[in-house]
């Protein structure tokens, strides 16, 4: 029996179908791609980690 494995992938400016396509092209059998969180990218320069 095949083993099921879950991964978390963090990516910039990509759609779920593009992630699936890339994984399948690499020979990885994909059961599903689920988006769990999306955030707007902010300017990193001059922003403290606590937002202050």
Protein backbone atom coordinates (compact mmCIF):
# COMPACT_ATOMS: atom_id res chain seq x y z
CA UNK A 1 0.00 0.00 0.00
CA UNK A 2 1.28 3.48 -0.88
CA UNK A 3 2.14 5.88 1.91
CA UNK A 4 0.24 9.19 2.12
CA UNK A 5 2.33 12.26 2.93
CA UNK A 6 1.22 15.87 3.50
CA UNK A 7 3.42 18.90 2.84
CA UNK A 8 3.08 22.63 3.37
CA UNK A 9 4.31 24.76 0.48
CA UNK A 10 4.76 28.51 0.76
CA UNK A 11 4.85 30.25 -2.61
CA UNK A 12 4.61 33.72 -4.11
CA UNK A 13 2.17 34.67 -6.85
CA UNK A 14 1.10 31.17 -7.89
CA UNK A 15 -2.19 29.38 -8.38
CA UNK A 16 -3.07 25.93 -7.00
CA UNK A 17 -3.28 24.49 -10.52
CA UNK A 18 0.29 25.65 -11.22
CA UNK A 19 1.56 23.91 -8.06
CA UNK A 20 -0.26 20.73 -9.04
CA UNK A 21 1.15 20.86 -12.57
CA UNK A 22 4.73 21.38 -11.34
CA UNK A 23 4.49 18.50 -8.88
CA UNK A 24 2.96 16.14 -11.42
CA UNK A 25 5.65 17.07 -13.98
CA UNK A 26 8.19 16.07 -11.33
CA UNK A 27 6.53 12.65 -11.10
CA UNK A 28 4.65 13.28 -7.85
CA UNK A 29 1.11 11.89 -7.66
CA UNK A 30 -1.01 14.74 -6.24
CA UNK A 31 -4.31 13.95 -4.48
CA UNK A 32 -5.24 17.57 -3.78
CA UNK A 33 -3.88 21.10 -3.42
CA UNK A 34 -5.66 23.16 -0.76
CA UNK A 35 -5.09 26.85 -0.13
CA UNK A 36 -5.27 27.47 3.61
CA UNK A 37 -3.98 31.03 3.95
CA UNK A 38 -3.32 34.01 1.72
CA UNK A 39 -1.82 37.35 2.70
CA UNK A 40 -0.87 40.47 0.79
CA UNK A 41 2.86 40.94 0.46
CA UNK A 42 4.09 44.01 2.31
CA UNK A 43 7.17 46.16 2.00
CA UNK A 44 9.78 44.53 4.25
CA UNK A 45 12.03 47.58 4.46
CA UNK A 46 11.59 49.60 7.64
CA UNK A 47 8.83 47.43 9.12
CA UNK A 48 9.45 45.95 12.55
CA UNK A 49 8.31 42.34 13.15
CA UNK A 50 5.62 43.53 15.59
CA UNK A 51 4.26 46.02 13.06
CA UNK A 52 5.63 49.03 14.91
